[in-house]
Amino acid sequence: DMFNHNFPVIDKEPTGPNIKFIFPFDV
């Protein structure tokens, strides 16, 4: 198998309430 770790660092924002993830299904 293969997985993609992605490692986003969007505008160097620390992980917290300003970071959101959206999926096409109820997660």
mmCIF file of all heavy atoms, coordinates in Angstrom:
data_MODEL
# 
_entry.id   MODEL 
# 
loop_
_atom_site.group_PDB 
_atom_site.id 
_atom_site.type_symbol 
_atom_site.label_atom_id 
_atom_site.label_alt_id 
_atom_site.label_comp_id 
_atom_site.label_asym_id 
_atom_site.label_entity_id 
_atom_site.label_seq_id 
_atom_site.pdbx_PDB_ins_code 
_atom_site.Cartn_x 
_atom_site.Cartn_y 
_atom_site.Cartn_z 
_atom_site.occupancy 
_atom_site.B_iso_or_equiv 
_atom_site.pdbx_formal_charge 
_atom_site.auth_seq_id 
_atom_site.auth_comp_id 
_atom_site.auth_asym_id 
_atom_site.auth_atom_id 
_atom_site.pdbx_PDB_model_num 
ATOM 1   N N   . ASP A 1 1  ? 0.846   -1.181 0.000  1.00 0.00 ? 1  ASP A N   1 
ATOM 2   C CA  . ASP A 1 1  ? 0.000   0.000  0.000  1.00 0.00 ? 1  ASP A CA  1 
ATOM 3   C C   . ASP A 1 1  ? 0.886   1.237  0.000  1.00 0.00 ? 1  ASP A C   1 
ATOM 4   O O   . ASP A 1 1  ? 2.109   1.149  0.137  1.00 0.00 ? 1  ASP A O   1 
ATOM 5   C CB  . ASP A 1 1  ? -0.965  0.016  1.192  1.00 0.00 ? 1  ASP A CB  1 
ATOM 6   C CG  . ASP A 1 1  ? -0.261  -0.084 2.538  1.00 0.00 ? 1  ASP A CG  1 
ATOM 7   O OD1 . ASP A 1 1  ? 0.951   0.223  2.622  1.00 0.00 ? 1  ASP A OD1 1 
ATOM 8   O OD2 . ASP A 1 1  ? -0.901  -0.476 3.523  1.00 0.00 ? 1  ASP A OD2 1 
ATOM 9   N N   . MET A 1 2  ? 0.265   2.384  -0.209 1.00 0.00 ? 2  MET A N   1 
ATOM 10  C CA  . MET A 1 2  ? 0.997   3.643  -0.200 1.00 0.00 ? 2  MET A CA  1 
ATOM 11  C C   . MET A 1 2  ? 0.151   4.680  0.519  1.00 0.00 ? 2  MET A C   1 
ATOM 12  O O   . MET A 1 2  ? -1.058  4.750  0.314  1.00 0.00 ? 2  MET A O   1 
ATOM 13  C CB  . MET A 1 2  ? 1.302   4.112  -1.620 1.00 0.00 ? 2  MET A CB  1 
ATOM 14  C CG  . MET A 1 2  ? 2.141   5.393  -1.686 1.00 0.00 ? 2  MET A CG  1 
ATOM 15  S SD  . MET A 1 2  ? 1.142   6.901  -1.736 1.00 0.00 ? 2  MET A SD  1 
ATOM 16  C CE  . MET A 1 2  ? 0.719   6.944  -3.466 1.00 0.00 ? 2  MET A CE  1 
ATOM 17  N N   . PHE A 1 3  ? 0.782   5.447  1.413  1.00 0.00 ? 3  PHE A N   1 
ATOM 18  C CA  . PHE A 1 3  ? 0.049   6.542  2.029  1.00 0.00 ? 3  PHE A CA  1 
ATOM 19  C C   . PHE A 1 3  ? 0.775   7.859  1.799  1.00 0.00 ? 3  PHE A C   1 
ATOM 20  O O   . PHE A 1 3  ? 1.989   7.892  1.596  1.00 0.00 ? 3  PHE A O   1 
ATOM 21  C CB  . PHE A 1 3  ? -0.187  6.290  3.527  1.00 0.00 ? 3  PHE A CB  1 
ATOM 22  C CG  . PHE A 1 3  ? 0.986   6.570  4.422  1.00 0.00 ? 3  PHE A CG  1 
ATOM 23  C CD1 . PHE A 1 3  ? 1.153   7.820  4.999  1.00 0.00 ? 3  PHE A CD1 1 
ATOM 24  C CD2 . PHE A 1 3  ? 1.909   5.577  4.718  1.00 0.00 ? 3  PHE A CD2 1 
ATOM 25  C CE1 . PHE A 1 3  ? 2.225   8.078  5.848  1.00 0.00 ? 3  PHE A CE1 1 
ATOM 26  C CE2 . PHE A 1 3  ? 2.979   5.825  5.558  1.00 0.00 ? 3  PHE A CE2 1 
ATOM 27  C CZ  . PHE A 1 3  ? 3.143   7.086  6.126  1.00 0.00 ? 3  PHE A CZ  1 
ATOM 28  N N   . ASN A 1 4  ? -0.017  8.928  1.825  1.00 0.00 ? 4  ASN A N   1 
ATOM 29  C CA  . ASN A 1 4  ? 0.508   10.269 1.606  1.00 0.00 ? 4  ASN A CA  1 
ATOM 30  C C   . ASN A 1 4  ? 0.341   11.055 2.902  1.00 0.00 ? 4  ASN A C   1 
ATOM 31  O O   . ASN A 1 4  ? -0.784  11.262 3.356  1.00 0.00 ? 4  ASN A O   1 
ATOM 32  C CB  . ASN A 1 4  ? -0.253  10.944 0.464  1.00 0.00 ? 4  ASN A CB  1 
ATOM 33  C CG  . ASN A 1 4  ? 0.372   12.264 0.048  1.00 0.00 ? 4  ASN A CG  1 
ATOM 34  O OD1 . ASN A 1 4  ? 0.981   12.956 0.841  1.00 0.00 ? 4  ASN A OD1 1 
ATOM 35  N ND2 . ASN A 1 4  ? 0.208   12.606 -1.217 1.00 0.00 ? 4  ASN A ND2 1 
ATOM 36  N N   . HIS A 1 5  ? 1.444   11.486 3.482  1.00 0.00 ? 5  HIS A N   1 
ATOM 37  C CA  . HIS A 1 5  ? 1.394   12.157 4.781  1.00 0.00 ? 5  HIS A CA  1 
ATOM 38  C C   . HIS A 1 5  ? 0.955   13.625 4.662  1.00 0.00 ? 5  HIS A C   1 
ATOM 39  O O   . HIS A 1 5  ? 0.536   14.240 5.643  1.00 0.00 ? 5  HIS A O   1 
ATOM 40  C CB  . HIS A 1 5  ? 2.757   12.081 5.461  1.00 0.00 ? 5  HIS A CB  1 
ATOM 41  C CG  . HIS A 1 5  ? 2.686   12.000 6.945  1.00 0.00 ? 5  HIS A CG  1 
ATOM 42  N ND1 . HIS A 1 5  ? 2.036   12.928 7.722  1.00 0.00 ? 5  HIS A ND1 1 
ATOM 43  C CD2 . HIS A 1 5  ? 3.198   11.086 7.815  1.00 0.00 ? 5  HIS A CD2 1 
ATOM 44  C CE1 . HIS A 1 5  ? 2.138   12.592 8.994  1.00 0.00 ? 5  HIS A CE1 1 
ATOM 45  N NE2 . HIS A 1 5  ? 2.832   11.478 9.085  1.00 0.00 ? 5  HIS A NE2 1 
ATOM 46  N N   . ASN A 1 6  ? 1.094   14.190 3.463  1.00 0.00 ? 6  ASN A N   1 
ATOM 47  C CA  . ASN A 1 6  ? 0.672   15.558 3.134  1.00 0.00 ? 6  ASN A CA  1 
ATOM 48  C C   . ASN A 1 6  ? 1.466   16.675 3.822  1.00 0.00 ? 6  ASN A C   1 
ATOM 49  O O   . ASN A 1 6  ? 1.936   17.584 3.160  1.00 0.00 ? 6  ASN A O   1 
ATOM 50  C CB  . ASN A 1 6  ? -0.829  15.746 3.366  1.00 0.00 ? 6  ASN A CB  1 
ATOM 51  C CG  . ASN A 1 6  ? -1.629  15.180 2.206  1.00 0.00 ? 6  ASN A CG  1 
ATOM 52  O OD1 . ASN A 1 6  ? -1.505  15.631 1.085  1.00 0.00 ? 6  ASN A OD1 1 
ATOM 53  N ND2 . ASN A 1 6  ? -2.422  14.142 2.491  1.00 0.00 ? 6  ASN A ND2 1 
ATOM 54  N N   . PHE A 1 7  ? 1.609   16.693 5.139  1.00 0.00 ? 7  PHE A N   1 
ATOM 55  C CA  . PHE A 1 7  ? 2.388   17.701 5.860  1.00 0.00 ? 7  PHE A CA  1 
ATOM 56  C C   . PHE A 1 7  ? 2.081   19.146 5.420  1.00 0.00 ? 7  PHE A C   1 
ATOM 57  O O   . PHE A 1 7  ? 2.992   19.908 5.058  1.00 0.00 ? 7  PHE A O   1 
ATOM 58  C CB  . PHE A 1 7  ? 3.890   17.440 5.708  1.00 0.00 ? 7  PHE A CB  1 
ATOM 59  C CG  . PHE A 1 7  ? 4.387   16.219 6.419  1.00 0.00 ? 7  PHE A CG  1 
ATOM 60  C CD1 . PHE A 1 7  ? 4.985   15.184 5.707  1.00 0.00 ? 7  PHE A CD1 1 
ATOM 61  C CD2 . PHE A 1 7  ? 4.260   16.092 7.793  1.00 0.00 ? 7  PHE A CD2 1 
ATOM 62  C CE1 . PHE A 1 7  ? 5.450   14.044 6.358  1.00 0.00 ? 7  PHE A CE1 1 
ATOM 63  C CE2 . PHE A 1 7  ? 4.730   14.959 8.450  1.00 0.00 ? 7  PHE A CE2 1 
ATOM 64  C CZ  . PHE A 1 7  ? 5.319   13.927 7.735  1.00 0.00 ? 7  PHE A CZ  1 
ATOM 65  N N   . PRO A 1 8  ? 0.816   19.567 5.449  1.00 0.00 ? 8  PRO A N   1 
ATOM 66  C CA  . PRO A 1 8  ? 0.535   20.962 5.107  1.00 0.00 ? 8  PRO A CA  1 
ATOM 67  C C   . PRO A 1 8  ? 1.040   21.912 6.193  1.00 0.00 ? 8  PRO A C   1 
ATOM 68  O O   . PRO A 1 8  ? 0.959   21.623 7.381  1.00 0.00 ? 8  PRO A O   1 
ATOM 69  C CB  . PRO A 1 8  ? -0.997  20.995 5.029  1.00 0.00 ? 8  PRO A CB  1 
ATOM 70  C CG  . PRO A 1 8  ? -1.435  19.915 5.968  1.00 0.00 ? 8  PRO A CG  1 
ATOM 71  C CD  . PRO A 1 8  ? -0.397  18.827 5.836  1.00 0.00 ? 8  PRO A CD  1 
ATOM 72  N N   . VAL A 1 9  ? 1.584   23.032 5.771  1.00 0.00 ? 9  VAL A N   1 
ATOM 73  C CA  . VAL A 1 9  ? 1.976   24.116 6.681  1.00 0.00 ? 9  VAL A CA  1 
ATOM 74  C C   . VAL A 1 9  ? 1.477   25.399 6.013  1.00 0.00 ? 9  VAL A C   1 
ATOM 75  O O   . VAL A 1 9  ? 2.252   26.130 5.390  1.00 0.00 ? 9  VAL A O   1 
ATOM 76  C CB  . VAL A 1 9  ? 3.496   24.159 6.914  1.00 0.00 ? 9  VAL A CB  1 
ATOM 77  C CG1 . VAL A 1 9  ? 3.866   25.226 7.945  1.00 0.00 ? 9  VAL A CG1 1 
ATOM 78  C CG2 . VAL A 1 9  ? 4.022   22.797 7.374  1.00 0.00 ? 9  VAL A CG2 1 
ATOM 79  N N   . ILE A 1 10 ? 0.177   25.662 6.106  1.00 0.00 ? 10 ILE A N   1 
ATOM 80  C CA  . ILE A 1 10 ? -0.447  26.738 5.333  1.00 0.00 ? 10 ILE A CA  1 
ATOM 81  C C   . ILE A 1 10 ? -0.193  28.078 6.016  1.00 0.00 ? 10 ILE A C   1 
ATOM 82  O O   . ILE A 1 10 ? -0.699  28.344 7.105  1.00 0.00 ? 10 ILE A O   1 
ATOM 83  C CB  . ILE A 1 10 ? -1.949  26.487 5.163  1.00 0.00 ? 10 ILE A CB  1 
ATOM 84  C CG1 . ILE A 1 10 ? -2.197  25.104 4.531  1.00 0.00 ? 10 ILE A CG1 1 
ATOM 85  C CG2 . ILE A 1 10 ? -2.577  27.576 4.294  1.00 0.00 ? 10 ILE A CG2 1 
ATOM 86  C CD1 . ILE A 1 10 ? -3.669  24.732 4.413  1.00 0.00 ? 10 ILE A CD1 1 
ATOM 87  N N   . ASP A 1 11 ? 0.621   28.889 5.362  1.00 0.00 ? 11 ASP A N   1 
ATOM 88  C CA  . ASP A 1 11 ? 1.003   30.206 5.883  1.00 0.00 ? 11 ASP A CA  1 
ATOM 89  C C   . ASP A 1 11 ? 1.576   30.124 7.295  1.00 0.00 ? 11 ASP A C   1 
ATOM 90  O O   . ASP A 1 11 ? 1.417   31.049 8.104  1.00 0.00 ? 11 ASP A O   1 
ATOM 91  C CB  . ASP A 1 11 ? -0.188  31.171 5.845  1.00 0.00 ? 11 ASP A CB  1 
ATOM 92  C CG  . ASP A 1 11 ? -0.591  31.515 4.414  1.00 0.00 ? 11 ASP A CG  1 
ATOM 93  O OD1 . ASP A 1 11 ? 0.307   31.603 3.559  1.00 0.00 ? 11 ASP A OD1 1 
ATOM 94  O OD2 . ASP A 1 11 ? -1.800  31.684 4.152  1.00 0.00 ? 11 ASP A OD2 1 
ATOM 95  N N   . LYS A 1 12 ? 2.219   29.000 7.594  1.00 0.00 ? 12 LYS A N   1 
ATOM 96  C CA  . LYS A 1 12 ? 2.913   28.777 8.870  1.00 0.00 ? 12 LYS A CA  1 
ATOM 97  C C   . LYS A 1 12 ? 1.993   28.893 10.086 1.00 0.00 ? 12 LYS A C   1 
ATOM 98  O O   . LYS A 1 12 ? 2.441   29.177 11.198 1.00 0.00 ? 12 LYS A O   1 
ATOM 99  C CB  . LYS A 1 12 ? 4.095   29.742 9.010  1.00 0.00 ? 12 LYS A CB  1 
ATOM 100 C CG  . LYS A 1 12 ? 5.144   29.605 7.910  1.00 0.00 ? 12 LYS A CG  1 
ATOM 101 C CD  . LYS A 1 12 ? 6.295   30.561 8.103  1.00 0.00 ? 12 LYS A CD  1 
ATOM 102 C CE  . LYS A 1 12 ? 7.310   30.414 6.976  1.00 0.00 ? 12 LYS A CE  1 
ATOM 103 N NZ  . LYS A 1 12 ? 8.456   31.349 7.130  1.00 0.00 ? 12 LYS A NZ  1 
ATOM 104 N N   . GLU A 1 13 ? 0.713   28.649 9.883  1.00 0.00 ? 13 GLU A N   1 
ATOM 105 C CA  . GLU A 1 13 ? -0.246  28.729 10.978 1.00 0.00 ? 13 GLU A CA  1 
ATOM 106 C C   . GLU A 1 13 ? -0.100  27.533 11.908 1.00 0.00 ? 13 GLU A C   1 
ATOM 107 O O   . GLU A 1 13 ? -0.095  26.391 11.457 1.00 0.00 ? 13 GLU A O   1 
ATOM 108 C CB  . GLU A 1 13 ? -1.677  28.766 10.432 1.00 0.00 ? 13 GLU A CB  1 
ATOM 109 C CG  . GLU A 1 13 ? -2.759  28.892 11.479 1.00 0.00 ? 13 GLU A CG  1 
ATOM 110 C CD  . GLU A 1 13 ? -2.753  30.244 12.188 1.00 0.00 ? 13 GLU A CD  1 
ATOM 111 O OE1 . GLU A 1 13 ? -2.192  31.213 11.636 1.00 0.00 ? 13 GLU A OE1 1 
ATOM 112 O OE2 . GLU A 1 13 ? -3.318  30.325 13.301 1.00 0.00 ? 13 GLU A OE2 1 
ATOM 113 N N   . PRO A 1 14 ? 0.051   27.747 13.222 1.00 0.00 ? 14 PRO A N   1 
ATOM 114 C CA  . PRO A 1 14 ? 0.138   26.609 14.151 1.00 0.00 ? 14 PRO A CA  1 
ATOM 115 C C   . PRO A 1 14 ? -1.182  25.858 14.196 1.00 0.00 ? 14 PRO A C   1 
ATOM 116 O O   . PRO A 1 14 ? -2.248  26.401 13.901 1.00 0.00 ? 14 PRO A O   1 
ATOM 117 C CB  . PRO A 1 14 ? 0.453   27.279 15.488 1.00 0.00 ? 14 PRO A CB  1 
ATOM 118 C CG  . PRO A 1 14 ? -0.023  28.683 15.344 1.00 0.00 ? 14 PRO A CG  1 
ATOM 119 C CD  . PRO A 1 14 ? 0.178   29.039 13.907 1.00 0.00 ? 14 PRO A CD  1 
ATOM 120 N N   . THR A 1 15 ? -1.117  24.602 14.567 1.00 0.00 ? 15 THR A N   1 
ATOM 121 C CA  . THR A 1 15 ? -2.314  23.765 14.635 1.00 0.00 ? 15 THR A CA  1 
ATOM 122 C C   . THR A 1 15 ? -3.214  24.243 15.764 1.00 0.00 ? 15 THR A C   1 
ATOM 123 O O   . THR A 1 15 ? -2.814  24.261 16.930 1.00 0.00 ? 15 THR A O   1 
ATOM 124 C CB  . THR A 1 15 ? -1.934  22.297 14.854 1.00 0.00 ? 15 THR A CB  1 
ATOM 125 O OG1 . THR A 1 15 ? -1.037  21.890 13.805 1.00 0.00 ? 15 THR A OG1 1 
ATOM 126 C CG2 . THR A 1 15 ? -3.161  21.409 14.828 1.00 0.00 ? 15 THR A CG2 1 
ATOM 127 N N   . GLY A 1 16 ? -4.431  24.643 15.405 1.00 0.00 ? 16 GLY A N   1 
ATOM 128 C CA  . GLY A 1 16 ? -5.371  25.178 16.375 1.00 0.00 ? 16 GLY A CA  1 
ATOM 129 C C   . GLY A 1 16 ? -6.685  25.516 15.707 1.00 0.00 ? 16 GLY A C   1 
ATOM 130 O O   . GLY A 1 16 ? -6.969  25.047 14.589 1.00 0.00 ? 16 GLY A O   1 
ATOM 131 N N   . PRO A 1 17 ? -7.532  26.337 16.330 1.00 0.00 ? 17 PRO A N   1 
ATOM 132 C CA  . PRO A 1 17 ? -8.868  26.635 15.813 1.00 0.00 ? 17 PRO A CA  1 
ATOM 133 C C   . PRO A 1 17 ? -8.901  27.246 14.414 1.00 0.00 ? 17 PRO A C   1 
ATOM 134 O O   . PRO A 1 17 ? -9.942  27.181 13.744 1.00 0.00 ? 17 PRO A O   1 
ATOM 135 C CB  . PRO A 1 17 ? -9.419  27.621 16.855 1.00 0.00 ? 17 PRO A CB  1 
ATOM 136 C CG  . PRO A 1 17 ? -8.705  27.273 18.117 1.00 0.00 ? 17 PRO A CG  1 
ATOM 137 C CD  . PRO A 1 17 ? -7.325  26.903 17.684 1.00 0.00 ? 17 PRO A CD  1 
ATOM 138 N N   . ASN A 1 18 ? -7.791  27.835 13.946 1.00 0.00 ? 18 ASN A N   1 
ATOM 139 C CA  . ASN A 1 18 ? -7.773  28.410 12.601 1.00 0.00 ? 18 ASN A CA  1 
ATOM 140 C C   . ASN A 1 18 ? -7.590  27.358 11.503 1.00 0.00 ? 18 ASN A C   1 
ATOM 141 O O   . ASN A 1 18 ? -7.703  27.676 10.316 1.00 0.00 ? 18 ASN A O   1 
ATOM 142 C CB  . ASN A 1 18 ? -6.666  29.456 12.481 1.00 0.00 ? 18 ASN A CB  1 
ATOM 143 C CG  . ASN A 1 18 ? -6.975  30.721 13.256 1.00 0.00 ? 18 ASN A CG  1 
ATOM 144 O OD1 . ASN A 1 18 ? -8.129  31.134 13.343 1.00 0.00 ? 18 ASN A OD1 1 
ATOM 145 N ND2 . ASN A 1 18 ? -5.952  31.336 13.837 1.00 0.00 ? 18 ASN A ND2 1 
ATOM 146 N N   . ILE A 1 19 ? -7.297  26.120 11.895 1.00 0.00 ? 19 ILE A N   1 
ATOM 147 C CA  . ILE A 1 19 ? -7.085  25.038 10.926 1.00 0.00 ? 19 ILE A CA  1 
ATOM 148 C C   . ILE A 1 19 ? -8.329  24.154 10.876 1.00 0.00 ? 19 ILE A C   1 
ATOM 149 O O   . ILE A 1 19 ? -8.833  23.714 11.907 1.00 0.00 ? 19 ILE A O   1 
ATOM 150 C CB  . ILE A 1 19 ? -5.848  24.198 11.301 1.00 0.00 ? 19 ILE A CB  1 
ATOM 151 C CG1 . ILE A 1 19 ? -4.587  25.081 11.273 1.00 0.00 ? 19 ILE A CG1 1 
ATOM 152 C CG2 . ILE A 1 19 ? -5.699  23.018 10.370 1.00 0.00 ? 19 ILE A CG2 1 
ATOM 153 C CD1 . ILE A 1 19 ? -4.252  25.666 9.916  1.00 0.00 ? 19 ILE A CD1 1 
ATOM 154 N N   . LYS A 1 20 ? -8.811  23.894 9.659  1.00 0.00 ? 20 LYS A N   1 
ATOM 155 C CA  . LYS A 1 20 ? -10.016 23.079 9.474  1.00 0.00 ? 20 LYS A CA  1 
ATOM 156 C C   . LYS A 1 20 ? -9.799  22.069 8.348  1.00 0.00 ? 20 LYS A C   1 
ATOM 157 O O   . LYS A 1 20 ? -9.125  22.361 7.360  1.00 0.00 ? 20 LYS A O   1 
ATOM 158 C CB  . LYS A 1 20 ? -11.210 23.973 9.122  1.00 0.00 ? 20 LYS A CB  1 
ATOM 159 C CG  . LYS A 1 20 ? -12.502 23.210 8.838  1.00 0.00 ? 20 LYS A CG  1 
ATOM 160 C CD  . LYS A 1 20 ? -13.574 24.099 8.223  1.00 0.00 ? 20 LYS A CD  1 
ATOM 161 C CE  . LYS A 1 20 ? -14.127 25.078 9.212  1.00 0.00 ? 20 LYS A CE  1 
ATOM 162 N NZ  . LYS A 1 20 ? -15.319 25.798 8.657  1.00 0.00 ? 20 LYS A NZ  1 
ATOM 163 N N   . PHE A 1 21 ? -10.422 20.884 8.506  1.00 0.00 ? 21 PHE A N   1 
ATOM 164 C CA  . PHE A 1 21 ? -10.398 19.853 7.469  1.00 0.00 ? 21 PHE A CA  1 
ATOM 165 C C   . PHE A 1 21 ? -11.829 19.484 7.102  1.00 0.00 ? 21 PHE A C   1 
ATOM 166 O O   . PHE A 1 21 ? -12.680 19.308 7.986  1.00 0.00 ? 21 PHE A O   1 
ATOM 167 C CB  . PHE A 1 21 ? -9.634  18.616 7.952  1.00 0.00 ? 21 PHE A CB  1 
ATOM 168 C CG  . PHE A 1 21 ? -8.158  18.865 8.103  1.00 0.00 ? 21 PHE A CG  1 
ATOM 169 C CD1 . PHE A 1 21 ? -7.657  19.458 9.246  1.00 0.00 ? 21 PHE A CD1 1 
ATOM 170 C CD2 . PHE A 1 21 ? -7.289  18.540 7.086  1.00 0.00 ? 21 PHE A CD2 1 
ATOM 171 C CE1 . PHE A 1 21 ? -6.306  19.725 9.383  1.00 0.00 ? 21 PHE A CE1 1 
ATOM 172 C CE2 . PHE A 1 21 ? -5.927  18.797 7.209  1.00 0.00 ? 21 PHE A CE2 1 
ATOM 173 C CZ  . PHE A 1 21 ? -5.439  19.392 8.362  1.00 0.00 ? 21 PHE A CZ  1 
ATOM 174 N N   . ILE A 1 22 ? -12.094 19.352 5.805  1.00 0.00 ? 22 ILE A N   1 
ATOM 175 C CA  . ILE A 1 22 ? -13.430 19.064 5.312  1.00 0.00 ? 22 ILE A CA  1 
ATOM 176 C C   . ILE A 1 22 ? -13.385 17.822 4.428  1.00 0.00 ? 22 ILE A C   1 
ATOM 177 O O   . ILE A 1 22 ? -12.539 17.711 3.525  1.00 0.00 ? 22 ILE A O   1 
ATOM 178 C CB  . ILE A 1 22 ? -13.998 20.254 4.518  1.00 0.00 ? 22 ILE A CB  1 
ATOM 179 C CG1 . ILE A 1 22 ? -13.933 21.538 5.347  1.00 0.00 ? 22 ILE A CG1 1 
ATOM 180 C CG2 . ILE A 1 22 ? -15.437 19.977 4.087  1.00 0.00 ? 22 ILE A CG2 1 
ATOM 181 C CD1 . ILE A 1 22 ? -14.265 22.791 4.566  1.00 0.00 ? 22 ILE A CD1 1 
ATOM 182 N N   . PHE A 1 23 ? -14.304 16.874 4.663  1.00 0.00 ? 23 PHE A N   1 
ATOM 183 C CA  . PHE A 1 23 ? -14.377 15.617 3.924  1.00 0.00 ? 23 PHE A CA  1 
ATOM 184 C C   . PHE A 1 23 ? -15.738 15.515 3.219  1.00 0.00 ? 23 PHE A C   1 
ATOM 185 O O   . PHE A 1 23 ? -16.680 16.228 3.572  1.00 0.00 ? 23 PHE A O   1 
ATOM 186 C CB  . PHE A 1 23 ? -14.180 14.436 4.882  1.00 0.00 ? 23 PHE A CB  1 
ATOM 187 C CG  . PHE A 1 23 ? -12.898 14.507 5.671  1.00 0.00 ? 23 PHE A CG  1 
ATOM 188 C CD1 . PHE A 1 23 ? -12.852 15.156 6.901  1.00 0.00 ? 23 PHE A CD1 1 
ATOM 189 C CD2 . PHE A 1 23 ? -11.736 13.942 5.181  1.00 0.00 ? 23 PHE A CD2 1 
ATOM 190 C CE1 . PHE A 1 23 ? -11.677 15.244 7.627  1.00 0.00 ? 23 PHE A CE1 1 
ATOM 191 C CE2 . PHE A 1 23 ? -10.552 14.017 5.897  1.00 0.00 ? 23 PHE A CE2 1 
ATOM 192 C CZ  . PHE A 1 23 ? -10.519 14.670 7.125  1.00 0.00 ? 23 PHE A CZ  1 
ATOM 193 N N   . PRO A 1 24 ? -15.885 14.630 2.248  1.00 0.00 ? 24 PRO A N   1 
ATOM 194 C CA  . PRO A 1 24 ? -17.165 14.487 1.545  1.00 0.00 ? 24 PRO A CA  1 
ATOM 195 C C   . PRO A 1 24 ? -18.141 13.568 2.268  1.00 0.00 ? 24 PRO A C   1 
ATOM 196 O O   . PRO A 1 24 ? -19.219 13.278 1.752  1.00 0.00 ? 24 PRO A O   1 
ATOM 197 C CB  . PRO A 1 24 ? -16.742 13.890 0.202  1.00 0.00 ? 24 PRO A CB  1 
ATOM 198 C CG  . PRO A 1 24 ? -15.531 13.078 0.517  1.00 0.00 ? 24 PRO A CG  1 
ATOM 199 C CD  . PRO A 1 24 ? -14.817 13.843 1.604  1.00 0.00 ? 24 PRO A CD  1 
ATOM 200 N N   . PHE A 1 25 ? -17.783 13.084 3.447  1.00 0.00 ? 25 PHE A N   1 
ATOM 201 C CA  . PHE A 1 25 ? -18.624 12.162 4.206  1.00 0.00 ? 25 PHE A CA  1 
ATOM 202 C C   . PHE A 1 25 ? -18.617 12.577 5.679  1.00 0.00 ? 25 PHE A C   1 
ATOM 203 O O   . PHE A 1 25 ? -17.716 13.302 6.129  1.00 0.00 ? 25 PHE A O   1 
ATOM 204 C CB  . PHE A 1 25 ? -18.130 10.714 4.073  1.00 0.00 ? 25 PHE A CB  1 
ATOM 205 C CG  . PHE A 1 25 ? -16.661 10.556 4.379  1.00 0.00 ? 25 PHE A CG  1 
ATOM 206 C CD1 . PHE A 1 25 ? -16.203 10.359 5.679  1.00 0.00 ? 25 PHE A CD1 1 
ATOM 207 C CD2 . PHE A 1 25 ? -15.713 10.598 3.361  1.00 0.00 ? 25 PHE A CD2 1 
ATOM 208 C CE1 . PHE A 1 25 ? -14.861 10.224 5.968  1.00 0.00 ? 25 PHE A CE1 1 
ATOM 209 C CE2 . PHE A 1 25 ? -14.349 10.460 3.631  1.00 0.00 ? 25 PHE A CE2 1 
ATOM 210 C CZ  . PHE A 1 25 ? -13.928 10.276 4.937  1.00 0.00 ? 25 PHE A CZ  1 
ATOM 211 N N   . ASP A 1 26 ? -19.607 12.146 6.421  1.00 0.00 ? 26 ASP A N   1 
ATOM 212 C CA  . ASP A 1 26 ? -19.622 12.388 7.864  1.00 0.00 ? 26 ASP A CA  1 
ATOM 213 C C   . ASP A 1 26 ? -18.509 11.565 8.495  1.00 0.00 ? 26 ASP A C   1 
ATOM 214 O O   . ASP A 1 26 ? -18.493 10.335 8.389  1.00 0.00 ? 26 ASP A O   1 
ATOM 215 C CB  . ASP A 1 26 ? -20.976 11.992 8.462  1.00 0.00 ? 26 ASP A CB  1 
ATOM 216 C CG  . ASP A 1 26 ? -22.077 12.972 8.098  1.00 0.00 ? 26 ASP A CG  1 
ATOM 217 O OD1 . ASP A 1 26 ? -21.760 14.154 7.834  1.00 0.00 ? 26 ASP A OD1 1 
ATOM 218 O OD2 . ASP A 1 26 ? -23.252 12.569 8.043  1.00 0.00 ? 26 ASP A OD2 1 
ATOM 219 N N   . VAL A 1 27 ? -17.587 12.243 9.138  1.00 0.00 ? 27 VAL A N   1 
ATOM 220 C CA  . VAL A 1 27 ? -16.372 11.604 9.613  1.00 0.00 ? 27 VAL A CA  1 
ATOM 221 C C   . VAL A 1 27 ? -16.461 11.331 11.117 1.00 0.00 ? 27 VAL A C   1 
ATOM 222 O O   . VAL A 1 27 ? -17.035 12.117 11.873 1.00 0.00 ? 27 VAL A O   1 
ATOM 223 C CB  . VAL A 1 27 ? -15.140 12.478 9.276  1.00 0.00 ? 27 VAL A CB  1 
ATOM 224 C CG1 . VAL A 1 27 ? -15.192 13.813 10.003 1.00 0.00 ? 27 VAL A CG1 1 
ATOM 225 C CG2 . VAL A 1 27 ? -13.844 11.767 9.603  1.00 0.00 ? 27 VAL A CG2 1 
# 
